Amino acid sequence: MGGQGEARALRNGLKRRTAGFAGVLGAGLLLAGASGAAERQTPSGLPVPRYVSLKFDRVNARAGPGDDHRLMWVYRVKGLPVQVVAETSEWRRVCDPEGSLVWVHKRTTDGRRMVMNTGEARVTLLRRPRPDARAAAFLNPRALAALDRCEKGWCRVHVDGVSGWAKEGDLWGTAQAPQCR
C-alpha cells in the first residue's frame, strides 16, 4: 500500500503544480494582453507606425525629444514623407526615406500622406491599376507625390495636377511595417 500512497501523492502534487502553472500562464496571458493594449495607446491616439509629411521647408531633426537635444540636421523639403515610429505628447520619432531616425516636433508634421520615388529610375504613373494600362505621367527619382489611396498592390497618386497609379513597392511612404529599426 505504501506504493499506492506514494503514487497518489505524486499525482496530487503534479495536479497542484499543473494547476499552479496554468494559473501563472493564464495571469501571464492577461498581463501580456494588457501590455499589448497599453503599447497601442499613444499620446496622440493615432497608430504607430504611421506616415505623415513635413509641414514646412525647414524642420529641425534632433537626437532626442526636446529642444535641449542636439540638432542633427535641418530638413529642407516641405512634404517629405516620414514614418512616425514612436511619440511623446510633443515630439515624434520619425524614419525618413534615407533610413535615418530622428525626433521632430509634432507641429512640424502634417497628416497629409505623401510618397517619394526613392529609386534611381522614373516610376511610370498609369491611367489604371494594371500593368498593361497606358502611361499618364512619370515620377522622377526623388520626386514627391500626394497619396490618394492604395489597393491591391497599387497606389493612386497626384502630382502637378496629374493622377496616376504606381506599384506600391515603387513608392516610399506606403509600407505598413516600420521602415527603420
N, C-alpha and C. Protein backbone atom coordinates (compact mmCIF):
# COMPACT_ATOMS: atom_id res chain seq x y z
N MET A 1 0.81 -1.19 0.00
CA MET A 1 0.00 0.00 0.00
C MET A 1 0.85 1.24 0.00
N GLY A 2 2.07 1.14 0.51
CA GLY A 2 2.95 2.29 0.52
C GLY A 2 3.18 2.81 -0.87
N GLY A 3 3.26 1.88 -1.87
CA GLY A 3 3.49 2.30 -3.25
C GLY A 3 2.32 3.09 -3.80
N GLN A 4 1.07 2.65 -3.46
CA GLN A 4 -0.10 3.38 -3.96
C GLN A 4 -0.20 4.76 -3.33
N GLY A 5 0.14 4.88 -2.06
CA GLY A 5 0.10 6.17 -1.37
C GLY A 5 1.09 7.14 -1.99
N GLU A 6 2.29 6.61 -2.31
CA GLU A 6 3.31 7.47 -2.94
C GLU A 6 2.85 7.90 -4.34
N ALA A 7 2.23 6.98 -5.08
CA ALA A 7 1.75 7.31 -6.42
C ALA A 7 0.65 8.37 -6.35
N ARG A 8 -0.26 8.20 -5.36
CA ARG A 8 -1.35 9.17 -5.20
C ARG A 8 -0.78 10.54 -4.83
N ALA A 9 0.18 10.59 -3.94
CA ALA A 9 0.81 11.85 -3.53
C ALA A 9 1.51 12.50 -4.72
N LEU A 10 2.17 11.68 -5.53
CA LEU A 10 2.86 12.19 -6.72
C LEU A 10 1.84 12.78 -7.71
N ARG A 11 0.73 12.04 -7.94
CA ARG A 11 -0.31 12.55 -8.85
C ARG A 11 -0.90 13.85 -8.32
N ASN A 12 -1.20 13.90 -7.03
CA ASN A 12 -1.77 15.12 -6.43
C ASN A 12 -0.80 16.29 -6.54
N GLY A 13 0.48 15.99 -6.32
CA GLY A 13 1.50 17.04 -6.44
C GLY A 13 1.58 17.56 -7.86
N LEU A 14 1.52 16.64 -8.85
CA LEU A 14 1.57 17.07 -10.25
C LEU A 14 0.34 17.90 -10.60
N LYS A 15 -0.82 17.49 -10.08
CA LYS A 15 -2.04 18.26 -10.36
C LYS A 15 -1.91 19.67 -9.80
N ARG A 16 -1.38 19.78 -8.58
CA ARG A 16 -1.23 21.11 -7.98
C ARG A 16 -0.25 21.96 -8.79
N ARG A 17 0.87 21.35 -9.20
CA ARG A 17 1.86 22.09 -9.98
C ARG A 17 1.29 22.48 -11.34
N THR A 18 0.55 21.56 -11.96
CA THR A 18 -0.05 21.86 -13.25
C THR A 18 -1.07 22.98 -13.11
N ALA A 19 -1.90 22.90 -12.06
CA ALA A 19 -2.88 23.96 -11.83
C ALA A 19 -2.18 25.28 -11.55
N GLY A 20 -1.11 25.22 -10.76
CA GLY A 20 -0.34 26.43 -10.47
C GLY A 20 0.28 27.00 -11.73
N PHE A 21 0.85 26.12 -12.57
CA PHE A 21 1.46 26.56 -13.82
C PHE A 21 0.41 27.17 -14.74
N ALA A 22 -0.78 26.52 -14.80
CA ALA A 22 -1.85 27.05 -15.64
C ALA A 22 -2.30 28.41 -15.12
N GLY A 23 -2.35 28.58 -13.81
CA GLY A 23 -2.71 29.88 -13.23
C GLY A 23 -1.69 30.95 -13.58
N VAL A 24 -0.41 30.61 -13.46
CA VAL A 24 0.65 31.55 -13.81
C VAL A 24 0.59 31.88 -15.29
N LEU A 25 0.40 30.85 -16.12
CA LEU A 25 0.31 31.05 -17.56
C LEU A 25 -0.88 31.95 -17.90
N GLY A 26 -2.03 31.68 -17.28
CA GLY A 26 -3.22 32.49 -17.53
C GLY A 26 -3.00 33.94 -17.11
N ALA A 27 -2.40 34.15 -15.95
CA ALA A 27 -2.11 35.51 -15.49
C ALA A 27 -1.13 36.19 -16.44
N GLY A 28 -0.15 35.43 -16.91
CA GLY A 28 0.82 35.98 -17.87
C GLY A 28 0.14 36.41 -19.15
N LEU A 29 -0.80 35.61 -19.63
CA LEU A 29 -1.52 35.97 -20.86
C LEU A 29 -2.37 37.21 -20.64
N LEU A 30 -3.00 37.32 -19.47
CA LEU A 30 -3.79 38.51 -19.18
C LEU A 30 -2.91 39.74 -19.14
N LEU A 31 -1.74 39.62 -18.49
CA LEU A 31 -0.82 40.76 -18.43
C LEU A 31 -0.29 41.09 -19.81
N ALA A 32 0.02 40.09 -20.61
CA ALA A 32 0.51 40.34 -21.96
C ALA A 32 -0.56 41.06 -22.77
N GLY A 33 -1.80 40.66 -22.61
CA GLY A 33 -2.88 41.34 -23.32
C GLY A 33 -3.03 42.78 -22.86
N ALA A 34 -2.87 43.02 -21.57
CA ALA A 34 -2.97 44.38 -21.05
C ALA A 34 -1.82 45.23 -21.54
N SER A 35 -0.60 44.66 -21.57
CA SER A 35 0.53 45.46 -22.04
C SER A 35 0.43 45.68 -23.53
N GLY A 36 -0.12 44.73 -24.29
CA GLY A 36 -0.32 44.93 -25.72
C GLY A 36 -1.28 46.08 -25.97
N ALA A 37 -2.33 46.16 -25.16
CA ALA A 37 -3.27 47.27 -25.30
C ALA A 37 -2.60 48.57 -24.93
N ALA A 38 -1.74 48.55 -23.90
CA ALA A 38 -1.05 49.76 -23.49
C ALA A 38 -0.07 50.22 -24.56
N GLU A 39 0.57 49.27 -25.25
CA GLU A 39 1.51 49.62 -26.30
C GLU A 39 0.80 50.29 -27.47
N ARG A 40 -0.43 49.95 -27.72
CA ARG A 40 -1.17 50.53 -28.84
C ARG A 40 -1.63 51.95 -28.53
N GLN A 41 -1.73 52.30 -27.25
CA GLN A 41 -2.16 53.64 -26.89
C GLN A 41 -0.98 54.59 -27.05
N THR A 42 -1.21 55.69 -27.72
CA THR A 42 -0.17 56.68 -27.94
C THR A 42 -0.68 58.03 -27.45
N PRO A 43 0.22 58.97 -27.17
CA PRO A 43 -0.24 60.28 -26.71
C PRO A 43 -1.21 60.96 -27.68
N SER A 44 -1.02 60.73 -28.97
CA SER A 44 -1.90 61.35 -29.98
C SER A 44 -3.18 60.55 -30.18
N GLY A 45 -3.19 59.29 -29.74
CA GLY A 45 -4.32 58.41 -30.01
C GLY A 45 -4.28 57.80 -31.40
N LEU A 46 -3.23 58.09 -32.16
CA LEU A 46 -3.08 57.57 -33.52
C LEU A 46 -2.15 56.37 -33.52
N PRO A 47 -2.28 55.49 -34.50
CA PRO A 47 -1.43 54.29 -34.52
C PRO A 47 0.03 54.62 -34.81
N VAL A 48 0.89 53.77 -34.31
CA VAL A 48 2.34 53.83 -34.58
C VAL A 48 2.73 52.44 -35.01
N PRO A 49 3.37 52.23 -36.16
CA PRO A 49 3.85 53.28 -37.07
C PRO A 49 2.73 53.84 -37.95
N ARG A 50 2.97 55.06 -38.44
CA ARG A 50 2.08 55.72 -39.39
C ARG A 50 2.91 56.72 -40.18
N TYR A 51 2.38 57.12 -41.33
CA TYR A 51 3.08 58.10 -42.16
C TYR A 51 2.48 59.48 -41.98
N VAL A 52 3.35 60.48 -42.01
CA VAL A 52 2.98 61.88 -42.03
C VAL A 52 3.94 62.54 -43.02
N SER A 53 3.75 63.82 -43.26
CA SER A 53 4.70 64.55 -44.10
C SER A 53 5.18 65.77 -43.32
N LEU A 54 6.31 66.31 -43.74
CA LEU A 54 6.84 67.50 -43.08
C LEU A 54 6.06 68.71 -43.58
N LYS A 55 5.63 69.55 -42.64
CA LYS A 55 4.73 70.67 -42.94
C LYS A 55 5.46 71.89 -43.50
N PHE A 56 6.74 72.03 -43.19
CA PHE A 56 7.48 73.24 -43.55
C PHE A 56 8.72 72.90 -44.37
N ASP A 57 9.30 73.92 -45.00
CA ASP A 57 10.51 73.69 -45.77
C ASP A 57 11.77 73.76 -44.91
N ARG A 58 11.61 73.98 -43.62
CA ARG A 58 12.72 73.92 -42.66
C ARG A 58 12.21 73.22 -41.40
N VAL A 59 12.68 72.01 -41.15
CA VAL A 59 12.27 71.25 -39.96
C VAL A 59 13.53 70.72 -39.28
N ASN A 60 13.68 71.07 -38.00
CA ASN A 60 14.84 70.61 -37.23
C ASN A 60 14.71 69.14 -36.88
N ALA A 61 15.79 68.41 -37.12
CA ALA A 61 15.87 66.98 -36.77
C ALA A 61 16.77 66.88 -35.55
N ARG A 62 16.27 66.36 -34.45
CA ARG A 62 17.01 66.32 -33.19
C ARG A 62 17.33 64.89 -32.77
N ALA A 63 18.35 64.77 -31.92
CA ALA A 63 18.81 63.47 -31.43
C ALA A 63 17.83 62.89 -30.41
N GLY A 64 17.03 63.71 -29.79
CA GLY A 64 16.07 63.25 -28.79
C GLY A 64 14.85 64.13 -28.77
N PRO A 65 13.85 63.77 -27.95
CA PRO A 65 12.59 64.51 -27.93
C PRO A 65 12.65 65.77 -27.05
N GLY A 66 13.16 66.85 -27.59
CA GLY A 66 13.21 68.11 -26.86
C GLY A 66 14.19 69.08 -27.51
N ASP A 67 13.93 70.37 -27.31
CA ASP A 67 14.83 71.39 -27.87
C ASP A 67 16.21 71.36 -27.24
N ASP A 68 16.34 70.74 -26.07
CA ASP A 68 17.64 70.64 -25.41
C ASP A 68 18.51 69.53 -26.00
N HIS A 69 17.96 68.70 -26.87
CA HIS A 69 18.74 67.65 -27.53
C HIS A 69 19.46 68.22 -28.75
N ARG A 70 20.57 67.58 -29.09
CA ARG A 70 21.43 68.04 -30.17
C ARG A 70 20.68 68.10 -31.50
N LEU A 71 20.90 69.20 -32.23
CA LEU A 71 20.36 69.35 -33.58
C LEU A 71 21.22 68.51 -34.51
N MET A 72 20.60 67.54 -35.17
CA MET A 72 21.34 66.65 -36.07
C MET A 72 21.48 67.29 -37.45
N TRP A 73 20.39 67.80 -37.99
CA TRP A 73 20.37 68.50 -39.27
C TRP A 73 19.02 69.18 -39.42
N VAL A 74 18.85 69.89 -40.52
CA VAL A 74 17.59 70.56 -40.83
C VAL A 74 17.07 69.99 -42.14
N TYR A 75 15.85 69.44 -42.10
CA TYR A 75 15.20 69.01 -43.34
C TYR A 75 14.79 70.27 -44.10
N ARG A 76 14.97 70.26 -45.40
CA ARG A 76 14.61 71.42 -46.22
C ARG A 76 13.67 71.03 -47.36
N VAL A 77 12.80 70.06 -47.10
CA VAL A 77 11.87 69.58 -48.12
C VAL A 77 10.46 69.55 -47.53
N LYS A 78 9.67 70.55 -47.88
CA LYS A 78 8.26 70.55 -47.46
C LYS A 78 7.56 69.39 -48.15
N GLY A 79 6.78 68.62 -47.38
CA GLY A 79 6.05 67.49 -47.94
C GLY A 79 6.80 66.17 -47.89
N LEU A 80 8.03 66.17 -47.37
CA LEU A 80 8.80 64.92 -47.30
C LEU A 80 8.04 63.89 -46.47
N PRO A 81 7.81 62.69 -47.01
CA PRO A 81 7.12 61.67 -46.22
C PRO A 81 8.07 61.09 -45.17
N VAL A 82 7.57 60.94 -43.96
CA VAL A 82 8.32 60.30 -42.88
C VAL A 82 7.38 59.36 -42.15
N GLN A 83 7.96 58.34 -41.53
CA GLN A 83 7.15 57.37 -40.79
C GLN A 83 7.35 57.59 -39.30
N VAL A 84 6.26 57.86 -38.59
CA VAL A 84 6.31 58.01 -37.13
C VAL A 84 6.45 56.61 -36.54
N VAL A 85 7.53 56.38 -35.78
CA VAL A 85 7.76 55.07 -35.17
C VAL A 85 7.64 55.11 -33.65
N ALA A 86 7.61 56.32 -33.07
CA ALA A 86 7.42 56.50 -31.63
C ALA A 86 6.97 57.94 -31.42
N GLU A 87 6.39 58.21 -30.25
CA GLU A 87 5.98 59.58 -29.99
C GLU A 87 5.88 59.86 -28.51
N THR A 88 6.03 61.15 -28.18
CA THR A 88 5.69 61.67 -26.86
C THR A 88 4.53 62.63 -27.11
N SER A 89 4.11 63.33 -26.08
CA SER A 89 2.99 64.25 -26.29
C SER A 89 3.35 65.38 -27.24
N GLU A 90 4.62 65.77 -27.32
CA GLU A 90 5.03 66.90 -28.17
C GLU A 90 5.96 66.53 -29.32
N TRP A 91 6.58 65.36 -29.26
CA TRP A 91 7.62 65.01 -30.23
C TRP A 91 7.30 63.70 -30.94
N ARG A 92 7.78 63.58 -32.17
CA ARG A 92 7.60 62.37 -32.98
C ARG A 92 8.96 61.85 -33.40
N ARG A 93 9.21 60.57 -33.15
CA ARG A 93 10.42 59.93 -33.66
C ARG A 93 10.07 59.42 -35.05
N VAL A 94 10.82 59.89 -36.04
CA VAL A 94 10.46 59.56 -37.42
C VAL A 94 11.62 58.90 -38.15
N CYS A 95 11.23 58.08 -39.11
CA CYS A 95 12.15 57.44 -40.04
C CYS A 95 11.98 58.14 -41.37
N ASP A 96 13.08 58.60 -41.97
CA ASP A 96 12.97 59.29 -43.25
C ASP A 96 13.29 58.34 -44.41
N PRO A 97 13.11 58.78 -45.65
CA PRO A 97 13.34 57.88 -46.79
C PRO A 97 14.77 57.35 -46.91
N GLU A 98 15.73 57.99 -46.25
CA GLU A 98 17.11 57.50 -46.29
C GLU A 98 17.40 56.54 -45.15
N GLY A 99 16.42 56.30 -44.28
CA GLY A 99 16.58 55.35 -43.19
C GLY A 99 17.08 55.94 -41.89
N SER A 100 17.13 57.25 -41.79
CA SER A 100 17.59 57.91 -40.56
C SER A 100 16.44 58.03 -39.57
N LEU A 101 16.77 57.87 -38.29
CA LEU A 101 15.80 58.03 -37.21
C LEU A 101 16.14 59.28 -36.42
N VAL A 102 15.21 60.22 -36.34
CA VAL A 102 15.40 61.46 -35.59
C VAL A 102 14.08 61.86 -34.95
N TRP A 103 14.14 62.90 -34.12
CA TRP A 103 12.94 63.44 -33.48
C TRP A 103 12.61 64.80 -34.08
N VAL A 104 11.33 65.02 -34.36
CA VAL A 104 10.84 66.32 -34.84
C VAL A 104 9.65 66.72 -33.98
N HIS A 105 9.42 68.02 -33.86
CA HIS A 105 8.28 68.48 -33.07
C HIS A 105 6.98 68.17 -33.82
N LYS A 106 5.94 67.84 -33.07
CA LYS A 106 4.67 67.43 -33.69
C LYS A 106 4.07 68.53 -34.56
N ARG A 107 4.30 69.79 -34.22
CA ARG A 107 3.70 70.87 -35.02
C ARG A 107 4.35 71.02 -36.39
N THR A 108 5.50 70.33 -36.61
CA THR A 108 6.18 70.40 -37.91
C THR A 108 5.73 69.28 -38.85
N THR A 109 4.78 68.47 -38.39
CA THR A 109 4.30 67.37 -39.24
C THR A 109 2.86 67.62 -39.66
N ASP A 110 2.49 67.00 -40.75
CA ASP A 110 1.15 67.15 -41.33
C ASP A 110 0.61 65.75 -41.60
N GLY A 111 -0.65 65.52 -41.34
CA GLY A 111 -1.25 64.22 -41.56
C GLY A 111 -1.46 63.87 -43.03
N ARG A 112 -1.27 64.84 -43.92
CA ARG A 112 -1.43 64.54 -45.36
C ARG A 112 -0.37 63.55 -45.78
N ARG A 113 -0.78 62.52 -46.51
CA ARG A 113 0.13 61.47 -46.94
C ARG A 113 0.81 61.86 -48.24
N MET A 114 2.12 61.73 -48.24
CA MET A 114 2.93 61.95 -49.43
C MET A 114 3.74 60.68 -49.65
N VAL A 115 4.21 60.49 -50.87
CA VAL A 115 5.10 59.38 -51.20
C VAL A 115 6.28 59.94 -51.97
N MET A 116 7.33 59.13 -52.06
CA MET A 116 8.54 59.56 -52.75
C MET A 116 9.07 58.43 -53.61
N ASN A 117 9.58 58.77 -54.78
CA ASN A 117 10.29 57.81 -55.61
C ASN A 117 11.74 57.82 -55.12
N THR A 118 12.12 56.81 -54.36
CA THR A 118 13.49 56.73 -53.85
C THR A 118 14.41 55.94 -54.77
N GLY A 119 13.87 55.43 -55.86
CA GLY A 119 14.67 54.67 -56.81
C GLY A 119 15.50 55.58 -57.70
N GLU A 120 16.31 54.96 -58.54
CA GLU A 120 17.16 55.72 -59.46
C GLU A 120 16.51 55.91 -60.83
N ALA A 121 15.40 55.23 -61.07
CA ALA A 121 14.71 55.34 -62.36
C ALA A 121 13.35 56.01 -62.17
N ARG A 122 12.81 56.54 -63.26
CA ARG A 122 11.47 57.12 -63.21
C ARG A 122 10.45 56.03 -62.92
N VAL A 123 9.40 56.40 -62.20
CA VAL A 123 8.28 55.50 -61.94
C VAL A 123 7.15 55.92 -62.88
N THR A 124 6.64 54.97 -63.64
CA THR A 124 5.54 55.26 -64.56
C THR A 124 4.23 55.30 -63.78
N LEU A 125 3.49 56.40 -63.94
CA LEU A 125 2.16 56.52 -63.36
C LEU A 125 1.17 56.13 -64.45
N LEU A 126 0.40 55.09 -64.18
CA LEU A 126 -0.51 54.53 -65.17
C LEU A 126 -1.92 55.07 -65.00
N ARG A 127 -2.70 55.04 -66.08
CA ARG A 127 -4.08 55.53 -66.03
C ARG A 127 -4.99 54.63 -65.21
N ARG A 128 -4.67 53.35 -65.15
CA ARG A 128 -5.45 52.37 -64.37
C ARG A 128 -4.48 51.50 -63.58
N PRO A 129 -4.96 50.86 -62.52
CA PRO A 129 -4.07 50.00 -61.72
C PRO A 129 -3.87 48.62 -62.36
N ARG A 130 -3.28 48.63 -63.55
CA ARG A 130 -2.98 47.39 -64.28
C ARG A 130 -1.65 47.59 -65.00
N PRO A 131 -0.83 46.55 -65.08
CA PRO A 131 0.47 46.69 -65.74
C PRO A 131 0.37 47.03 -67.22
N ASP A 132 -0.75 46.69 -67.87
CA ASP A 132 -0.88 46.95 -69.31
C ASP A 132 -1.57 48.30 -69.61
N ALA A 133 -1.83 49.10 -68.58
CA ALA A 133 -2.50 50.39 -68.79
C ALA A 133 -1.54 51.39 -69.41
N ARG A 134 -2.11 52.40 -70.04
CA ARG A 134 -1.30 53.45 -70.66
C ARG A 134 -0.72 54.39 -69.61
N ALA A 135 0.42 54.96 -69.93
CA ALA A 135 1.08 55.89 -69.01
C ALA A 135 0.33 57.21 -68.95
N ALA A 136 0.20 57.75 -67.75
CA ALA A 136 -0.40 59.07 -67.55
C ALA A 136 0.69 60.11 -67.33
N ALA A 137 1.77 59.70 -66.67
CA ALA A 137 2.88 60.61 -66.35
C ALA A 137 4.03 59.77 -65.80
N PHE A 138 5.09 60.46 -65.43
CA PHE A 138 6.26 59.81 -64.84
C PHE A 138 6.64 60.55 -63.57
N LEU A 139 7.09 59.79 -62.58
CA LEU A 139 7.56 60.37 -61.33
C LEU A 139 9.07 60.20 -61.31
N ASN A 140 9.78 61.31 -61.39
CA ASN A 140 11.24 61.28 -61.45
C ASN A 140 11.84 60.82 -60.12
N PRO A 141 13.09 60.36 -60.14
CA PRO A 141 13.77 59.99 -58.89
C PRO A 141 13.78 61.18 -57.93
N ARG A 142 13.53 60.90 -56.66
CA ARG A 142 13.49 61.87 -55.55
C ARG A 142 12.27 62.78 -55.59
N ALA A 143 11.36 62.56 -56.54
CA ALA A 143 10.16 63.40 -56.64
C ALA A 143 9.11 62.96 -55.63
N LEU A 144 8.31 63.92 -55.19
CA LEU A 144 7.22 63.67 -54.24
C LEU A 144 5.88 63.69 -54.96
N ALA A 145 4.92 62.97 -54.41
CA ALA A 145 3.56 62.97 -54.93
C ALA A 145 2.60 62.81 -53.76
N ALA A 146 1.41 63.36 -53.89
CA ALA A 146 0.38 63.21 -52.86
C ALA A 146 -0.27 61.84 -53.04
N LEU A 147 -0.42 61.13 -51.93
CA LEU A 147 -1.02 59.79 -51.96
C LEU A 147 -2.53 59.91 -51.79
N ASP A 148 -3.26 59.33 -52.73
CA ASP A 148 -4.72 59.30 -52.64
C ASP A 148 -5.15 58.04 -51.89
N ARG A 149 -4.76 56.87 -52.41
CA ARG A 149 -5.12 55.61 -51.76
C ARG A 149 -4.30 54.48 -52.37
N CYS A 150 -4.27 53.36 -51.64
CA CYS A 150 -3.62 52.14 -52.14
C CYS A 150 -4.62 51.00 -52.06
N GLU A 151 -4.60 50.13 -53.07
CA GLU A 151 -5.45 48.95 -53.07
C GLU A 151 -4.83 47.88 -53.96
N LYS A 152 -4.81 46.68 -53.44
CA LYS A 152 -4.33 45.51 -54.18
C LYS A 152 -2.95 45.70 -54.80
N GLY A 153 -2.04 46.33 -54.04
CA GLY A 153 -0.66 46.49 -54.50
C GLY A 153 -0.42 47.68 -55.40
N TRP A 154 -1.43 48.51 -55.62
CA TRP A 154 -1.31 49.70 -56.45
C TRP A 154 -1.68 50.93 -55.63
N CYS A 155 -1.03 52.07 -55.92
CA CYS A 155 -1.34 53.31 -55.22
C CYS A 155 -1.65 54.41 -56.22
N ARG A 156 -2.72 55.14 -55.94
CA ARG A 156 -3.08 56.28 -56.78
C ARG A 156 -2.47 57.53 -56.16
N VAL A 157 -1.73 58.27 -56.98
CA VAL A 157 -1.04 59.48 -56.52
C VAL A 157 -1.37 60.65 -57.43
N HIS A 158 -1.13 61.85 -56.91
CA HIS A 158 -1.35 63.09 -57.66
C HIS A 158 -0.06 63.90 -57.62
N VAL A 159 0.31 64.44 -58.76
CA VAL A 159 1.47 65.33 -58.82
C VAL A 159 1.25 66.32 -59.97
N ASP A 160 1.43 67.58 -59.68
CA ASP A 160 1.29 68.64 -60.69
C ASP A 160 -0.01 68.53 -61.49
N GLY A 161 -1.12 68.27 -60.81
CA GLY A 161 -2.42 68.22 -61.46
C GLY A 161 -2.70 66.94 -62.23
N VAL A 162 -1.81 65.98 -62.18
CA VAL A 162 -1.98 64.71 -62.89
C VAL A 162 -2.12 63.59 -61.87
N SER A 163 -3.04 62.67 -62.12
CA SER A 163 -3.22 61.49 -61.26
C SER A 163 -2.79 60.25 -62.02
N GLY A 164 -2.29 59.29 -61.29
CA GLY A 164 -1.93 58.02 -61.91
C GLY A 164 -1.69 56.96 -60.86
N TRP A 165 -1.57 55.73 -61.32
CA TRP A 165 -1.37 54.57 -60.45
C TRP A 165 0.06 54.07 -60.59
N ALA A 166 0.67 53.73 -59.45
CA ALA A 166 2.02 53.15 -59.45
C ALA A 166 2.00 51.91 -58.57
N LYS A 167 2.91 50.99 -58.84
CA LYS A 167 3.03 49.82 -57.97
C LYS A 167 3.45 50.29 -56.59
N GLU A 168 2.80 49.73 -55.58
CA GLU A 168 3.04 50.15 -54.20
C GLU A 168 4.52 50.05 -53.83
N GLY A 169 5.19 49.00 -54.28
CA GLY A 169 6.60 48.80 -53.95
C GLY A 169 7.54 49.80 -54.59
N ASP A 170 7.07 50.58 -55.57
CA ASP A 170 7.91 51.58 -56.23
C ASP A 170 7.93 52.91 -55.49
N LEU A 171 7.13 53.03 -54.43
CA LEU A 171 6.99 54.30 -53.72
C LEU A 171 7.38 54.15 -52.26
N TRP A 172 8.10 55.12 -51.72
CA TRP A 172 8.41 55.13 -50.29
C TRP A 172 7.32 55.94 -49.60
N GLY A 173 6.75 55.33 -48.56
CA GLY A 173 5.69 56.00 -47.81
C GLY A 173 4.39 55.23 -47.82
N THR A 174 4.45 53.95 -48.21
CA THR A 174 3.23 53.15 -48.28
C THR A 174 3.30 51.89 -47.43
N ALA A 175 4.48 51.41 -47.08
CA ALA A 175 4.62 50.14 -46.35
C ALA A 175 4.01 50.24 -44.96
N GLN A 176 3.36 49.18 -44.51
CA GLN A 176 2.75 49.16 -43.18
C GLN A 176 3.78 48.88 -42.08
N ALA A 177 4.79 48.10 -42.41
CA ALA A 177 5.81 47.73 -41.41
C ALA A 177 6.74 48.91 -41.15
N PRO A 178 7.33 48.95 -39.96
CA PRO A 178 8.31 50.02 -39.69
C PRO A 178 9.46 49.96 -40.70
N GLN A 179 9.85 51.11 -41.22
CA GLN A 179 10.90 51.18 -42.23
C GLN A 179 12.29 51.31 -41.63
N CYS A 180 12.38 51.73 -40.39
CA CYS A 180 13.66 51.85 -39.69
C CYS A 180 13.60 50.99 -38.44
N ARG A 181 14.71 50.47 -38.06
CA ARG A 181 14.77 49.66 -36.83
C ARG A 181 15.79 50.25 -35.90
